[in-house]
Structures are given as C-alpha cells and as structure tokens.
Amino acid sequence: MRGETELAWFKSSYSGGEGDSCVEVANTQQAVYVRDSKDTARPAFTVGREGWASFLGFASGQ
C-alpha cells in the first residue's frame, strides 16, 4: 500500500463548513482512500475503484 502521506487528499464538497463532519478522499489508479479529516492519524478506509463507482452511483440515486 502506498504511504498515506504521499496521497493527494481532497475534502468533500459536502463536508460541513464548521469542520465537524469532514471526509477526505484520495484517488489512485488502483484504489480510493477515504479518511476522517479530523483524525488523520487513523488508517484510511480503502476501496477498489469498481466498489467506489458503485457507491457513488448508489449515493447519487442512479
């Protein structure tokens, strides 16, 4: 696995502006990494690209 500090993290545009519910994702060719931006010391959740695409389709109602 790639070191999480090497990944380019992006905060979700749906995260609260108060900083209390922030999700960040990092995209690679092999997987998508998801973490809680308030606790970056914890390991990220890793999902394959096909699984992430399925999740996005479900979350968007398509």
N, C-alpha and C. Protein backbone atom coordinates (compact mmCIF):
# COMPACT_ATOMS: atom_id res chain seq x y z
N MET A 1 0.85 -1.19 0.00
CA MET A 1 0.00 0.00 0.00
C MET A 1 0.88 1.23 0.00
N ARG A 2 0.47 2.18 -0.66
CA ARG A 2 1.13 3.48 -0.75
C ARG A 2 1.03 4.20 0.59
N GLY A 3 2.07 4.93 0.99
CA GLY A 3 2.02 5.69 2.22
C GLY A 3 0.94 6.77 2.14
N GLU A 4 0.12 6.86 3.17
CA GLU A 4 -0.99 7.81 3.14
C GLU A 4 -0.52 9.25 3.07
N THR A 5 0.69 9.54 3.52
CA THR A 5 1.19 10.91 3.45
C THR A 5 1.55 11.29 2.02
N GLU A 6 1.75 10.31 1.14
CA GLU A 6 2.09 10.57 -0.25
C GLU A 6 0.86 10.85 -1.11
N LEU A 7 -0.31 10.58 -0.59
CA LEU A 7 -1.54 10.73 -1.37
C LEU A 7 -1.98 12.19 -1.42
N ALA A 8 -2.66 12.55 -2.49
CA ALA A 8 -3.23 13.89 -2.63
C ALA A 8 -4.67 13.83 -2.13
N TRP A 9 -4.91 14.39 -0.94
CA TRP A 9 -6.22 14.33 -0.30
C TRP A 9 -7.08 15.51 -0.70
N PHE A 10 -8.38 15.24 -0.90
CA PHE A 10 -9.36 16.27 -1.25
C PHE A 10 -10.53 16.18 -0.29
N LYS A 11 -10.94 17.30 0.25
CA LYS A 11 -12.07 17.33 1.18
C LYS A 11 -13.37 17.34 0.38
N SER A 12 -14.32 16.58 0.84
CA SER A 12 -15.62 16.52 0.20
C SER A 12 -16.29 17.88 0.19
N SER A 13 -16.91 18.23 -0.92
CA SER A 13 -17.65 19.49 -1.00
C SER A 13 -18.91 19.44 -0.14
N TYR A 14 -19.30 18.25 0.31
CA TYR A 14 -20.46 18.10 1.18
C TYR A 14 -20.10 18.16 2.66
N SER A 15 -18.82 18.28 2.98
CA SER A 15 -18.41 18.36 4.38
C SER A 15 -18.90 19.67 4.97
N GLY A 16 -19.21 19.63 6.23
CA GLY A 16 -19.71 20.82 6.92
C GLY A 16 -18.66 21.91 6.99
N GLY A 17 -19.07 23.14 6.90
CA GLY A 17 -18.17 24.28 6.98
C GLY A 17 -17.61 24.51 8.37
N GLU A 18 -18.22 23.89 9.36
CA GLU A 18 -17.76 24.05 10.74
C GLU A 18 -16.57 23.15 11.06
N GLY A 19 -16.21 22.26 10.16
CA GLY A 19 -15.09 21.36 10.40
C GLY A 19 -15.42 20.17 11.27
N ASP A 20 -16.72 19.95 11.52
CA ASP A 20 -17.10 18.86 12.41
C ASP A 20 -17.51 17.59 11.69
N SER A 21 -17.65 17.61 10.40
CA SER A 21 -18.05 16.40 9.66
C SER A 21 -17.34 16.36 8.32
N CYS A 22 -16.04 16.27 8.35
CA CYS A 22 -15.25 16.35 7.13
C CYS A 22 -14.75 14.98 6.68
N VAL A 23 -14.95 14.72 5.42
CA VAL A 23 -14.46 13.49 4.80
C VAL A 23 -13.49 13.91 3.71
N GLU A 24 -12.37 13.19 3.61
CA GLU A 24 -11.40 13.44 2.55
C GLU A 24 -11.20 12.15 1.76
N VAL A 25 -10.94 12.30 0.48
CA VAL A 25 -10.65 11.15 -0.37
C VAL A 25 -9.36 11.39 -1.14
N ALA A 26 -8.69 10.29 -1.45
CA ALA A 26 -7.50 10.33 -2.31
C ALA A 26 -7.70 9.25 -3.36
N ASN A 27 -7.50 9.60 -4.59
CA ASN A 27 -7.77 8.74 -5.73
C ASN A 27 -6.47 8.26 -6.35
N THR A 28 -6.33 6.95 -6.56
CA THR A 28 -5.19 6.40 -7.28
C THR A 28 -5.72 5.51 -8.40
N GLN A 29 -4.84 5.00 -9.22
CA GLN A 29 -5.28 4.13 -10.30
C GLN A 29 -5.80 2.79 -9.77
N GLN A 30 -5.33 2.38 -8.58
CA GLN A 30 -5.73 1.09 -8.03
C GLN A 30 -6.89 1.17 -7.05
N ALA A 31 -7.01 2.26 -6.31
CA ALA A 31 -7.99 2.31 -5.23
C ALA A 31 -8.35 3.76 -4.89
N VAL A 32 -9.38 3.88 -4.05
CA VAL A 32 -9.77 5.17 -3.50
C VAL A 32 -9.64 5.05 -1.98
N TYR A 33 -9.03 6.04 -1.37
CA TYR A 33 -8.82 6.07 0.07
C TYR A 33 -9.74 7.12 0.67
N VAL A 34 -10.36 6.79 1.79
CA VAL A 34 -11.30 7.68 2.45
C VAL A 34 -10.87 7.81 3.91
N ARG A 35 -10.85 9.05 4.43
CA ARG A 35 -10.47 9.24 5.83
C ARG A 35 -11.27 10.38 6.45
N ASP A 36 -11.26 10.39 7.75
CA ASP A 36 -11.86 11.46 8.56
C ASP A 36 -10.80 12.54 8.72
N SER A 37 -11.05 13.73 8.21
CA SER A 37 -10.03 14.78 8.24
C SER A 37 -9.74 15.28 9.65
N LYS A 38 -10.61 14.99 10.61
CA LYS A 38 -10.36 15.40 11.99
C LYS A 38 -9.37 14.47 12.68
N ASP A 39 -9.17 13.27 12.15
CA ASP A 39 -8.30 12.29 12.79
C ASP A 39 -7.47 11.58 11.72
N THR A 40 -6.54 12.31 11.13
CA THR A 40 -5.75 11.76 10.02
C THR A 40 -4.72 10.73 10.47
N ALA A 41 -4.53 10.57 11.78
CA ALA A 41 -3.60 9.56 12.27
C ALA A 41 -4.19 8.15 12.13
N ARG A 42 -5.50 8.06 12.06
CA ARG A 42 -6.15 6.76 11.89
C ARG A 42 -5.98 6.30 10.45
N PRO A 43 -5.92 5.00 10.24
CA PRO A 43 -5.79 4.50 8.86
C PRO A 43 -7.00 4.87 8.01
N ALA A 44 -6.76 5.09 6.76
CA ALA A 44 -7.85 5.39 5.82
C ALA A 44 -8.57 4.10 5.46
N PHE A 45 -9.82 4.25 5.09
CA PHE A 45 -10.61 3.15 4.53
C PHE A 45 -10.24 3.07 3.05
N THR A 46 -9.95 1.88 2.57
CA THR A 46 -9.54 1.71 1.18
C THR A 46 -10.57 0.86 0.45
N VAL A 47 -10.95 1.30 -0.74
CA VAL A 47 -11.92 0.57 -1.55
C VAL A 47 -11.43 0.54 -2.99
N GLY A 48 -11.71 -0.55 -3.68
CA GLY A 48 -11.35 -0.64 -5.09
C GLY A 48 -12.14 0.36 -5.92
N ARG A 49 -11.64 0.65 -7.09
CA ARG A 49 -12.28 1.67 -7.94
C ARG A 49 -13.69 1.24 -8.37
N GLU A 50 -13.89 -0.05 -8.65
CA GLU A 50 -15.23 -0.51 -9.03
C GLU A 50 -16.20 -0.38 -7.87
N GLY A 51 -15.75 -0.71 -6.67
CA GLY A 51 -16.58 -0.55 -5.48
C GLY A 51 -16.93 0.91 -5.23
N TRP A 52 -15.96 1.80 -5.44
CA TRP A 52 -16.19 3.23 -5.25
C TRP A 52 -17.21 3.74 -6.27
N ALA A 53 -17.08 3.29 -7.51
CA ALA A 53 -18.03 3.71 -8.55
C ALA A 53 -19.45 3.24 -8.19
N SER A 54 -19.57 2.02 -7.67
CA SER A 54 -20.88 1.51 -7.25
C SER A 54 -21.44 2.35 -6.11
N PHE A 55 -20.58 2.68 -5.14
CA PHE A 55 -21.02 3.51 -4.02
C PHE A 55 -21.51 4.87 -4.51
N LEU A 56 -20.76 5.51 -5.40
CA LEU A 56 -21.17 6.82 -5.91
C LEU A 56 -22.50 6.75 -6.65
N GLY A 57 -22.69 5.68 -7.42
CA GLY A 57 -23.96 5.50 -8.11
C GLY A 57 -25.11 5.35 -7.13
N PHE A 58 -24.90 4.59 -6.06
CA PHE A 58 -25.92 4.41 -5.04
C PHE A 58 -26.19 5.72 -4.30
N ALA A 59 -25.12 6.42 -3.93
CA ALA A 59 -25.26 7.67 -3.15
C ALA A 59 -25.95 8.76 -3.97
N SER A 60 -25.76 8.74 -5.28
CA SER A 60 -26.38 9.77 -6.10
C SER A 60 -27.77 9.37 -6.57
N GLY A 61 -28.20 8.15 -6.22
CA GLY A 61 -29.55 7.70 -6.58
C GLY A 61 -29.68 7.21 -7.99
N GLN A 62 -28.59 6.89 -8.65
CA GLN A 62 -28.65 6.44 -10.05
C GLN A 62 -28.56 4.94 -10.14
